Amino acid sequence: IESYLDFHRTEGLRRRTVTKYSSFLKTFAQFAQEHAVTKLDQVRAALIDRFRAIRKPTHSAKSMHNEAVMLNGLFRWCTSREMSACKTLQNEGAGNGKV
């Protein structure tokens, strides 16, 4: 996730936007880890559906759409770099508490 955020910083995405991406993706990563998913290639549609179902009651349709865009962007970016099978949802420094 940090590499994806670094990519966006390099591409000139606003700091506020990167902060929003970071917060959301960390929330998703935590949810995934709570469901024993630690690698992107382990993420399945059912997990994303559960995550979105939990968030839907407290988030607007626009927020839900934006979150879907963020997740899709992460997966597209990883796939374009052939990273999805080897990168964990947690930083390379395992056990450091960062996502």
PDB file of N, CA and C in Angstrom:
ATOM      1  N   ILE A   1       0.838  -1.193   0.000  1.00  0.00           N
ATOM      2  CA  ILE A   1       0.000   0.000   0.000  1.00  0.00           C
ATOM      3  C   ILE A   1       0.877   1.247   0.000  1.00  0.00           C
ATOM      4  N   GLU A   2       1.955   1.208   0.769  1.00  0.00           N
ATOM      5  CA  GLU A   2       2.834   2.378   0.804  1.00  0.00           C
ATOM      6  C   GLU A   2       3.435   2.674  -0.560  1.00  0.00           C
ATOM      7  N   SER A   3       3.784   1.641  -1.314  1.00  0.00           N
ATOM      8  CA  SER A   3       4.333   1.853  -2.658  1.00  0.00           C
ATOM      9  C   SER A   3       3.296   2.514  -3.562  1.00  0.00           C
ATOM     10  N   TYR A   4       2.049   2.103  -3.425  1.00  0.00           N
ATOM     11  CA  TYR A   4       0.960   2.699  -4.206  1.00  0.00           C
ATOM     12  C   TYR A   4       0.780   4.168  -3.840  1.00  0.00           C
ATOM     13  N   LEU A   5       0.838   4.469  -2.557  1.00  0.00           N
ATOM     14  CA  LEU A   5       0.717   5.856  -2.120  1.00  0.00           C
ATOM     15  C   LEU A   5       1.907   6.679  -2.592  1.00  0.00           C
ATOM     16  N   ASP A   6       3.100   6.095  -2.535  1.00  0.00           N
ATOM     17  CA  ASP A   6       4.285   6.793  -3.037  1.00  0.00           C
ATOM     18  C   ASP A   6       4.147   7.097  -4.523  1.00  0.00           C
ATOM     19  N   PHE A   7       3.595   6.156  -5.272  1.00  0.00           N
ATOM     20  CA  PHE A   7       3.347   6.375  -6.698  1.00  0.00           C
ATOM     21  C   PHE A   7       2.465   7.602  -6.900  1.00  0.00           C
ATOM     22  N   HIS A   8       1.401   7.701  -6.114  1.00  0.00           N
ATOM     23  CA  HIS A   8       0.491   8.836  -6.250  1.00  0.00           C
ATOM     24  C   HIS A   8       1.164  10.144  -5.843  1.00  0.00           C
ATOM     25  N   ARG A   9       1.996  10.101  -4.824  1.00  0.00           N
ATOM     26  CA  ARG A   9       2.733  11.307  -4.433  1.00  0.00           C
ATOM     27  C   ARG A   9       3.635  11.766  -5.569  1.00  0.00           C
ATOM     28  N   THR A  10       4.322  10.807  -6.177  1.00  0.00           N
ATOM     29  CA  THR A  10       5.224  11.117  -7.290  1.00  0.00           C
ATOM     30  C   THR A  10       4.456  11.689  -8.477  1.00  0.00           C
ATOM     31  N   GLU A  11       3.260  11.187  -8.690  1.00  0.00           N
ATOM     32  CA  GLU A  11       2.443  11.655  -9.811  1.00  0.00           C
ATOM     33  C   GLU A  11       1.759  12.989  -9.516  1.00  0.00           C
ATOM     34  N   GLY A  12       1.959  13.517  -8.317  1.00  0.00           N
ATOM     35  CA  GLY A  12       1.449  14.840  -7.997  1.00  0.00           C
ATOM     36  C   GLY A  12       0.056  14.889  -7.406  1.00  0.00           C
ATOM     37  N   LEU A  13      -0.441  13.759  -6.929  1.00  0.00           N
ATOM     38  CA  LEU A  13      -1.745  13.780  -6.277  1.00  0.00           C
ATOM     39  C   LEU A  13      -1.657  14.662  -5.037  1.00  0.00           C
ATOM     40  N   ARG A  14      -2.671  15.414  -4.764  1.00  0.00           N
ATOM     41  CA  ARG A  14      -2.663  16.317  -3.618  1.00  0.00           C
ATOM     42  C   ARG A  14      -2.475  15.547  -2.320  1.00  0.00           C
ATOM     43  N   ARG A  15      -1.822  16.202  -1.376  1.00  0.00           N
ATOM     44  CA  ARG A  15      -1.540  15.571  -0.086  1.00  0.00           C
ATOM     45  C   ARG A  15      -2.827  15.119   0.595  1.00  0.00           C
ATOM     46  N   ARG A  16      -3.852  15.938   0.517  1.00  0.00           N
ATOM     47  CA  ARG A  16      -5.134  15.577   1.147  1.00  0.00           C
ATOM     48  C   ARG A  16      -5.722  14.310   0.516  1.00  0.00           C
ATOM     49  N   THR A  17      -5.582  14.187  -0.785  1.00  0.00           N
ATOM     50  CA  THR A  17      -6.092  13.013  -1.486  1.00  0.00           C
ATOM     51  C   THR A  17      -5.298  11.776  -1.089  1.00  0.00           C
ATOM     52  N   VAL A  18      -3.980  11.906  -1.025  1.00  0.00           N
ATOM     53  CA  VAL A  18      -3.141  10.780  -0.618  1.00  0.00           C
ATOM     54  C   VAL A  18      -3.482  10.367   0.815  1.00  0.00           C
ATOM     55  N   THR A  19      -3.731  11.343   1.673  1.00  0.00           N
ATOM     56  CA  THR A  19      -4.114  11.045   3.053  1.00  0.00           C
ATOM     57  C   THR A  19      -5.433  10.276   3.093  1.00  0.00           C
ATOM     58  N   LYS A  20      -6.377  10.679   2.257  1.00  0.00           N
ATOM     59  CA  LYS A  20      -7.667   9.986   2.191  1.00  0.00           C
ATOM     60  C   LYS A  20      -7.482   8.550   1.688  1.00  0.00           C
ATOM     61  N   TYR A  21      -6.675   8.385   0.637  1.00  0.00           N
ATOM     62  CA  TYR A  21      -6.389   7.046   0.122  1.00  0.00           C
ATOM     63  C   TYR A  21      -5.747   6.195   1.215  1.00  0.00           C
ATOM     64  N   SER A  22      -4.774   6.768   1.901  1.00  0.00           N
ATOM     65  CA  SER A  22      -4.052   6.047   2.939  1.00  0.00           C
ATOM     66  C   SER A  22      -4.999   5.567   4.031  1.00  0.00           C
ATOM     67  N   SER A  23      -5.835   6.447   4.503  1.00  0.00           N
ATOM     68  CA  SER A  23      -6.772   6.100   5.573  1.00  0.00           C
ATOM     69  C   SER A  23      -7.712   4.980   5.139  1.00  0.00           C
ATOM     70  N   PHE A  24      -8.281   5.111   3.959  1.00  0.00           N
ATOM     71  CA  PHE A  24      -9.214   4.104   3.482  1.00  0.00           C
ATOM     72  C   PHE A  24      -8.523   2.764   3.259  1.00  0.00           C
ATOM     73  N   LEU A  25      -7.370   2.782   2.609  1.00  0.00           N
ATOM     74  CA  LEU A  25      -6.689   1.529   2.297  1.00  0.00           C
ATOM     75  C   LEU A  25      -6.184   0.838   3.568  1.00  0.00           C
ATOM     76  N   LYS A  26      -5.804   1.600   4.564  1.00  0.00           N
ATOM     77  CA  LYS A  26      -5.415   1.003   5.843  1.00  0.00           C
ATOM     78  C   LYS A  26      -6.621   0.340   6.513  1.00  0.00           C
ATOM     79  N   THR A  27      -7.768   0.980   6.413  1.00  0.00           N
ATOM     80  CA  THR A  27      -8.993   0.401   6.967  1.00  0.00           C
ATOM     81  C   THR A  27      -9.323  -0.907   6.266  1.00  0.00           C
ATOM     82  N   PHE A  28      -9.222  -0.913   4.943  1.00  0.00           N
ATOM     83  CA  PHE A  28      -9.488  -2.138   4.190  1.00  0.00           C
ATOM     84  C   PHE A  28      -8.471  -3.218   4.536  1.00  0.00           C
ATOM     85  N   ALA A  29      -7.203  -2.847   4.634  1.00  0.00           N
ATOM     86  CA  ALA A  29      -6.157  -3.823   4.962  1.00  0.00           C
ATOM     87  C   ALA A  29      -6.392  -4.441   6.336  1.00  0.00           C
ATOM     88  N   GLN A  30      -6.794  -3.619   7.285  1.00  0.00           N
ATOM     89  CA  GLN A  30      -7.084  -4.134   8.628  1.00  0.00           C
ATOM     90  C   GLN A  30      -8.245  -5.117   8.586  1.00  0.00           C
ATOM     91  N   PHE A  31      -9.303  -4.750   7.854  1.00  0.00           N
ATOM     92  CA  PHE A  31     -10.452  -5.635   7.702  1.00  0.00           C
ATOM     93  C   PHE A  31     -10.014  -6.956   7.071  1.00  0.00           C
ATOM     94  N   ALA A  32      -9.212  -6.868   6.025  1.00  0.00           N
ATOM     95  CA  ALA A  32      -8.743  -8.075   5.340  1.00  0.00           C
ATOM     96  C   ALA A  32      -7.931  -8.954   6.288  1.00  0.00           C
ATOM     97  N   GLN A  33      -7.047  -8.339   7.051  1.00  0.00           N
ATOM     98  CA  GLN A  33      -6.212  -9.103   7.979  1.00  0.00           C
ATOM     99  C   GLN A  33      -7.054  -9.778   9.051  1.00  0.00           C
ATOM    100  N   GLU A  34      -8.131  -9.128   9.466  1.00  0.00           N
ATOM    101  CA  GLU A  34      -9.042  -9.728  10.446  1.00  0.00           C
ATOM    102  C   GLU A  34      -9.740 -10.960   9.874  1.00  0.00           C
ATOM    103  N   HIS A  35      -9.734 -11.069   8.551  1.00  0.00           N
ATOM    104  CA  HIS A  35     -10.336 -12.212   7.871  1.00  0.00           C
ATOM    105  C   HIS A  35      -9.264 -13.116   7.265  1.00  0.00           C
ATOM    106  N   ALA A  36      -8.067 -13.065   7.854  1.00  0.00           N
ATOM    107  CA  ALA A  36      -6.940 -13.928   7.479  1.00  0.00           C
ATOM    108  C   ALA A  36      -6.468 -13.724   6.040  1.00  0.00           C
ATOM    109  N   VAL A  37      -6.657 -12.533   5.515  1.00  0.00           N
ATOM    110  CA  VAL A  37      -6.183 -12.203   4.172  1.00  0.00           C
ATOM    111  C   VAL A  37      -5.033 -11.222   4.322  1.00  0.00           C
ATOM    112  N   THR A  38      -3.845 -11.657   3.908  1.00  0.00           N
ATOM    113  CA  THR A  38      -2.663 -10.806   4.057  1.00  0.00           C
ATOM    114  C   THR A  38      -1.998 -10.464   2.736  1.00  0.00           C
ATOM    115  N   LYS A  39      -2.418 -11.114   1.651  1.00  0.00           N
ATOM    116  CA  LYS A  39      -1.853 -10.830   0.326  1.00  0.00           C
ATOM    117  C   LYS A  39      -2.972 -10.423  -0.621  1.00  0.00           C
ATOM    118  N   LEU A  40      -2.608  -9.546  -1.536  1.00  0.00           N
ATOM    119  CA  LEU A  40      -3.613  -9.050  -2.474  1.00  0.00           C
ATOM    120  C   LEU A  40      -4.214 -10.169  -3.318  1.00  0.00           C
ATOM    121  N   ASP A  41      -3.411 -11.175  -3.652  1.00  0.00           N
ATOM    122  CA  ASP A  41      -3.965 -12.252  -4.476  1.00  0.00           C
ATOM    123  C   ASP A  41      -4.923 -13.153  -3.706  1.00  0.00           C
ATOM    124  N   GLN A  42      -5.053 -12.921  -2.383  1.00  0.00           N
ATOM    125  CA  GLN A  42      -6.019 -13.662  -1.567  1.00  0.00           C
ATOM    126  C   GLN A  42      -7.366 -12.949  -1.496  1.00  0.00           C
ATOM    127  N   VAL A  43      -7.400 -11.698  -1.921  1.00  0.00           N
ATOM    128  CA  VAL A  43      -8.640 -10.917  -1.850  1.00  0.00           C
ATOM    129  C   VAL A  43      -9.618 -11.453  -2.893  1.00  0.00           C
ATOM    130  N   ARG A  44     -10.817 -11.734  -2.447  1.00  0.00           N
ATOM    131  CA  ARG A  44     -11.876 -12.225  -3.328  1.00  0.00           C
ATOM    132  C   ARG A  44     -13.052 -11.256  -3.276  1.00  0.00           C
ATOM    133  N   ALA A  45     -13.905 -11.373  -4.251  1.00  0.00           N
ATOM    134  CA  ALA A  45     -15.072 -10.499  -4.331  1.00  0.00           C
ATOM    135  C   ALA A  45     -15.923 -10.595  -3.061  1.00  0.00           C
ATOM    136  N   ALA A  46     -16.028 -11.777  -2.497  1.00  0.00           N
ATOM    137  CA  ALA A  46     -16.844 -11.955  -1.287  1.00  0.00           C
ATOM    138  C   ALA A  46     -16.309 -11.110  -0.131  1.00  0.00           C
ATOM    139  N   LEU A  47     -14.992 -11.010   0.002  1.00  0.00           N
ATOM    140  CA  LEU A  47     -14.406 -10.190   1.057  1.00  0.00           C
ATOM    141  C   LEU A  47     -14.737  -8.709   0.833  1.00  0.00           C
ATOM    142  N   ILE A  48     -14.590  -8.267  -0.387  1.00  0.00           N
ATOM    143  CA  ILE A  48     -14.906  -6.869  -0.719  1.00  0.00           C
ATOM    144  C   ILE A  48     -16.388  -6.608  -0.484  1.00  0.00           C
ATOM    145  N   ASP A  49     -17.232  -7.553  -0.864  1.00  0.00           N
ATOM    146  CA  ASP A  49     -18.674  -7.399  -0.639  1.00  0.00           C
ATOM    147  C   ASP A  49     -18.994  -7.268   0.849  1.00  0.00           C
ATOM    148  N   ARG A  50     -18.348  -8.084   1.684  1.00  0.00           N
ATOM    149  CA  ARG A  50     -18.569  -7.998   3.137  1.00  0.00           C
ATOM    150  C   ARG A  50     -18.120  -6.647   3.683  1.00  0.00           C
ATOM    151  N   PHE A  51     -16.960  -6.211   3.240  1.00  0.00           N
ATOM    152  CA  PHE A  51     -16.420  -4.928   3.673  1.00  0.00           C
ATOM    153  C   PHE A  51     -17.374  -3.794   3.301  1.00  0.00           C
ATOM    154  N   ARG A  52     -17.843  -3.804   2.066  1.00  0.00           N
ATOM    155  CA  ARG A  52     -18.748  -2.746   1.601  1.00  0.00           C
ATOM    156  C   ARG A  52     -20.099  -2.813   2.317  1.00  0.00           C
ATOM    157  N   ALA A  53     -20.574  -4.009   2.610  1.00  0.00           N
ATOM    158  CA  ALA A  53     -21.847  -4.163   3.316  1.00  0.00           C
ATOM    159  C   ALA A  53     -21.774  -3.563   4.718  1.00  0.00           C
ATOM    160  N   ILE A  54     -20.646  -3.728   5.371  1.00  0.00           N
ATOM    161  CA  ILE A  54     -20.463  -3.157   6.710  1.00  0.00           C
ATOM    162  C   ILE A  54     -20.434  -1.631   6.652  1.00  0.00           C
ATOM    163  N   ARG A  55     -19.821  -1.079   5.614  1.00  0.00           N
ATOM    164  CA  ARG A  55     -19.647   0.371   5.513  1.00  0.00           C
ATOM    165  C   ARG A  55     -20.880   1.094   4.962  1.00  0.00           C
ATOM    166  N   LYS A  56     -21.690   0.389   4.199  1.00  0.00           N
ATOM    167  CA  LYS A  56     -22.808   1.034   3.504  1.00  0.00           C
ATOM    168  C   LYS A  56     -23.762   1.813   4.413  1.00  0.00           C
ATOM    169  N   PRO A  57     -24.128   1.294   5.588  1.00  0.00           N
ATOM    170  CA  PRO A  57     -25.080   2.038   6.428  1.00  0.00           C
ATOM    171  C   PRO A  57     -24.559   3.402   6.907  1.00  0.00           C
ATOM    172  N   THR A  58     -23.264   3.572   6.949  1.00  0.00           N
ATOM    173  CA  THR A  58     -22.700   4.824   7.484  1.00  0.00           C
ATOM    174  C   THR A  58     -22.034   5.689   6.429  1.00  0.00           C
ATOM    175  N   HIS A  59     -22.109   5.279   5.151  1.00  0.00           N
ATOM    176  CA  HIS A  59     -21.451   6.025   4.085  1.00  0.00           C
ATOM    177  C   HIS A  59     -22.449   6.323   2.965  1.00  0.00           C
ATOM    178  N   SER A  60     -22.283   7.491   2.371  1.00  0.00           N
ATOM    179  CA  SER A  60     -23.159   7.891   1.270  1.00  0.00           C
ATOM    180  C   SER A  60     -22.837   7.084   0.013  1.00  0.00           C
ATOM    181  N   ALA A  61     -23.741   7.128  -0.945  1.00  0.00           N
ATOM    182  CA  ALA A  61     -23.521   6.435  -2.213  1.00  0.00           C
ATOM    183  C   ALA A  61     -22.259   6.968  -2.897  1.00  0.00           C
ATOM    184  N   LYS A  62     -22.035   8.259  -2.807  1.00  0.00           N
ATOM    185  CA  LYS A  62     -20.844   8.857  -3.418  1.00  0.00           C
ATOM    186  C   LYS A  62     -19.579   8.337  -2.739  1.00  0.00           C
ATOM    187  N   SER A  63     -19.583   8.252  -1.416  1.00  0.00           N
ATOM    188  CA  SER A  63     -18.426   7.718  -0.688  1.00  0.00           C
ATOM    189  C   SER A  63     -18.181   6.259  -1.056  1.00  0.00           C
ATOM    190  N   MET A  64     -19.253   5.492  -1.147  1.00  0.00           N
ATOM    191  CA  MET A  64     -19.112   4.084  -1.525  1.00  0.00           C
ATOM    192  C   MET A  64     -18.499   3.963  -2.918  1.00  0.00           C
ATOM    193  N   HIS A  65     -18.942   4.814  -3.826  1.00  0.00           N
ATOM    194  CA  HIS A  65     -18.386   4.820  -5.183  1.00  0.00           C
ATOM    195  C   HIS A  65     -16.902   5.176  -5.140  1.00  0.00           C
ATOM    196  N   ASN A  66     -16.558   6.222  -4.397  1.00  0.00           N
ATOM    197  CA  ASN A  66     -15.159   6.651  -4.316  1.00  0.00           C
ATOM    198  C   ASN A  66     -14.271   5.561  -3.722  1.00  0.00           C
ATOM    199  N   GLU A  67     -14.784   4.854  -2.735  1.00  0.00           N
ATOM    200  CA  GLU A  67     -14.017   3.760  -2.145  1.00  0.00           C
ATOM    201  C   GLU A  67     -13.809   2.627  -3.147  1.00  0.00           C
ATOM    202  N   ALA A  68     -14.813   2.340  -3.937  1.00  0.00           N
ATOM    203  CA  ALA A  68     -14.671   1.305  -4.972  1.00  0.00           C
ATOM    204  C   ALA A  68     -13.604   1.724  -5.984  1.00  0.00           C
ATOM    205  N   VAL A  69     -13.596   3.002  -6.329  1.00  0.00           N
ATOM    206  CA  VAL A  69     -12.588   3.519  -7.259  1.00  0.00           C
ATOM    207  C   VAL A  69     -11.183   3.358  -6.664  1.00  0.00           C
ATOM    208  N   MET A  70     -11.041   3.647  -5.365  1.00  0.00           N
ATOM    209  CA  MET A  70      -9.734   3.508  -4.715  1.00  0.00           C
ATOM    210  C   MET A  70      -9.267   2.053  -4.720  1.00  0.00           C
ATOM    211  N   LEU A  71     -10.153   1.131  -4.392  1.00  0.00           N
ATOM    212  CA  LEU A  71      -9.780  -0.288  -4.398  1.00  0.00           C
ATOM    213  C   LEU A  71      -9.428  -0.758  -5.798  1.00  0.00           C
ATOM    214  N   ASN A  72     -10.260  -0.400  -6.764  1.00  0.00           N
ATOM    215  CA  ASN A  72      -9.975  -0.795  -8.144  1.00  0.00           C
ATOM    216  C   ASN A  72      -8.639  -0.237  -8.599  1.00  0.00           C
ATOM    217  N   GLY A  73      -8.356   1.003  -8.223  1.00  0.00           N
ATOM    218  CA  GLY A  73      -7.088   1.624  -8.601  1.00  0.00           C
ATOM    219  C   GLY A  73      -5.903   0.867  -8.025  1.00  0.00           C
ATOM    220  N   LEU A  74      -6.001   0.465  -6.752  1.00  0.00           N
ATOM    221  CA  LEU A  74      -4.928  -0.293  -6.124  1.00  0.00           C
ATOM    222  C   LEU A  74      -4.688  -1.607  -6.857  1.00  0.00           C
ATOM    223  N   PHE A  75      -5.757  -2.342  -7.140  1.00  0.00           N
ATOM    224  CA  PHE A  75      -5.600  -3.631  -7.805  1.00  0.00           C
ATOM    225  C   PHE A  75      -5.088  -3.478  -9.231  1.00  0.00           C
ATOM    226  N   ARG A  76      -5.555  -2.480  -9.948  1.00  0.00           N
ATOM    227  CA  ARG A  76      -5.057  -2.230 -11.310  1.00  0.00           C
ATOM    228  C   ARG A  76      -3.567  -1.889 -11.277  1.00  0.00           C
ATOM    229  N   TRP A  77      -3.185  -1.022 -10.332  1.00  0.00           N
ATOM    230  CA  TRP A  77      -1.791  -0.608 -10.218  1.00  0.00           C
ATOM    231  C   TRP A  77      -0.903  -1.812  -9.912  1.00  0.00           C
ATOM    232  N   CYS A  78      -1.312  -2.638  -8.966  1.00  0.00           N
ATOM    233  CA  CYS A  78      -0.526  -3.829  -8.617  1.00  0.00           C
ATOM    234  C   CYS A  78      -0.429  -4.790  -9.799  1.00  0.00           C
ATOM    235  N   THR A  79      -1.538  -4.995 -10.479  1.00  0.00           N
ATOM    236  CA  THR A  79      -1.542  -5.901 -11.623  1.00  0.00           C
ATOM    237  C   THR A  79      -0.621  -5.381 -12.721  1.00  0.00           C
ATOM    238  N   SER A  80      -0.642  -4.082 -12.950  1.00  0.00           N
ATOM    239  CA  SER A  80       0.209  -3.518 -14.007  1.00  0.00           C
ATOM    240  C   SER A  80       1.681  -3.681 -13.678  1.00  0.00           C
ATOM    241  N   ARG A  81       1.992  -3.852 -12.417  1.00  0.00           N
ATOM    242  CA  ARG A  81       3.380  -4.040 -11.991  1.00  0.00           C
ATOM    243  C   ARG A  81       3.658  -5.481 -11.583  1.00  0.00           C
ATOM    244  N   GLU A  82       2.715  -6.359 -11.867  1.00  0.00           N
ATOM    245  CA  GLU A  82       2.833  -7.774 -11.538  1.00  0.00           C
ATOM    246  C   GLU A  82       3.202  -7.973 -10.077  1.00  0.00           C
ATOM    247  N   MET A  83       2.545  -7.198  -9.194  1.00  0.00           N
ATOM    248  CA  MET A  83       2.851  -7.234  -7.770  1.00  0.00           C
ATOM    249  C   MET A  83       1.812  -7.986  -6.951  1.00  0.00           C
ATOM    250  N   SER A  84       0.652  -8.239  -7.499  1.00  0.00           N
ATOM    251  CA  SER A  84      -0.450  -8.725  -6.675  1.00  0.00           C
ATOM    252  C   SER A  84      -0.142 -10.043  -5.977  1.00  0.00           C
ATOM    253  N   ALA A  85       0.637 -10.898  -6.558  1.00  0.00           N
ATOM    254  CA  ALA A  85       0.890 -12.195  -5.946  1.00  0.00           C
ATOM    255  C   ALA A  85       1.987 -12.154  -4.889  1.00  0.00           C
ATOM    256  N   CYS A  86       2.775 -11.094  -4.877  1.00  0.00           N
ATOM    257  CA  CYS A  86       3.929 -11.126  -3.976  1.00  0.00           C
ATOM    258  C   CYS A  86       3.905 -10.064  -2.896  1.00  0.00           C
ATOM    259  N   LYS A  87       3.086  -9.062  -3.002  1.00  0.00           N
ATOM    260  CA  LYS A  87       3.063  -7.998  -2.002  1.00  0.00           C
ATOM    261  C   LYS A  87       1.970  -8.255  -0.986  1.00  0.00           C
ATOM    262  N   THR A  88       2.317  -8.109   0.252  1.00  0.00           N
ATOM    263  CA  THR A  88       1.319  -8.261   1.291  1.00  0.00           C
ATOM    264  C   THR A  88       0.579  -6.953   1.477  1.00  0.00           C
ATOM    265  N   LEU A  89      -0.534  -7.010   2.177  1.00  0.00           N
ATOM    266  CA  LEU A  89      -1.283  -5.803   2.483  1.00  0.00           C
ATOM    267  C   LEU A  89      -0.556  -4.966   3.521  1.00  0.00           C
ATOM    268  N   GLN A  90       0.400  -5.565   4.170  1.00  0.00           N
ATOM    269  CA  GLN A  90       1.185  -4.855   5.162  1.00  0.00           C
ATOM    270  C   GLN A  90       2.506  -4.453   4.510  1.00  0.00           C
ATOM    271  N   ASN A  91       3.153  -3.428   5.044  1.00  0.00           N
ATOM    272  CA  ASN A  91       4.447  -2.986   4.521  1.00  0.00           C
ATOM    273  C   ASN A  91       5.454  -4.122   4.473  1.00  0.00           C
ATOM    274  N   GLU A  92       6.519  -3.909   3.698  1.00  0.00           N
ATOM    275  CA  GLU A  92       7.575  -4.903   3.567  1.00  0.00           C
ATOM    276  C   GLU A  92       8.174  -5.236   4.930  1.00  0.00           C
ATOM    277  N   GLY A  93       8.238  -4.276   5.853  1.00  0.00           N
ATOM    278  CA  GLY A  93       8.782  -4.510   7.189  1.00  0.00           C
ATOM    279  C   GLY A  93       7.745  -5.193   8.047  1.00  0.00           C
ATOM    280  N   ALA A  94       7.592  -6.478   7.901  1.00  0.00           N
ATOM    281  CA  ALA A  94       6.546  -7.219   8.617  1.00  0.00           C
ATOM    282  C   ALA A  94       6.640  -6.980  10.114  1.00  0.00           C
ATOM    283  N   GLY A  95       5.487  -6.767  10.695  1.00  0.00           N
ATOM    284  CA  GLY A  95       5.422  -6.597  12.127  1.00  0.00           C
ATOM    285  C   GLY A  95       5.660  -5.176  12.620  1.00  0.00           C
ATOM    286  N   ASN A  96       5.813  -4.244  11.684  1.00  0.00           N
ATOM    287  CA  ASN A  96       6.081  -2.871  12.113  1.00  0.00           C
ATOM    288  C   ASN A  96       4.798  -2.082  12.370  1.00  0.00           C
ATOM    289  N   GLY A  97       3.649  -2.695  12.149  1.00  0.00           N
ATOM    290  CA  GLY A  97       2.386  -2.042  12.453  1.00  0.00           C
ATOM    291  C   GLY A  97       1.908  -1.083  11.393  1.00  0.00           C
ATOM    292  N   LYS A  98       2.699  -0.870  10.359  1.00  0.00           N
ATOM    293  CA  LYS A  98       2.286   0.049   9.292  1.00  0.00           C
ATOM    294  C   LYS A  98       1.607  -0.727   8.197  1.00  0.00           C
ATOM    295  N   VAL A  99       0.714  -0.044   7.504  1.00  0.00           N
ATOM    296  CA  VAL A  99       0.019  -0.667   6.380  1.00  0.00           C
ATOM    297  C   VAL A  99       0.232   0.203   5.186  1.00  0.00           C
TER     298      VAL A  99
END
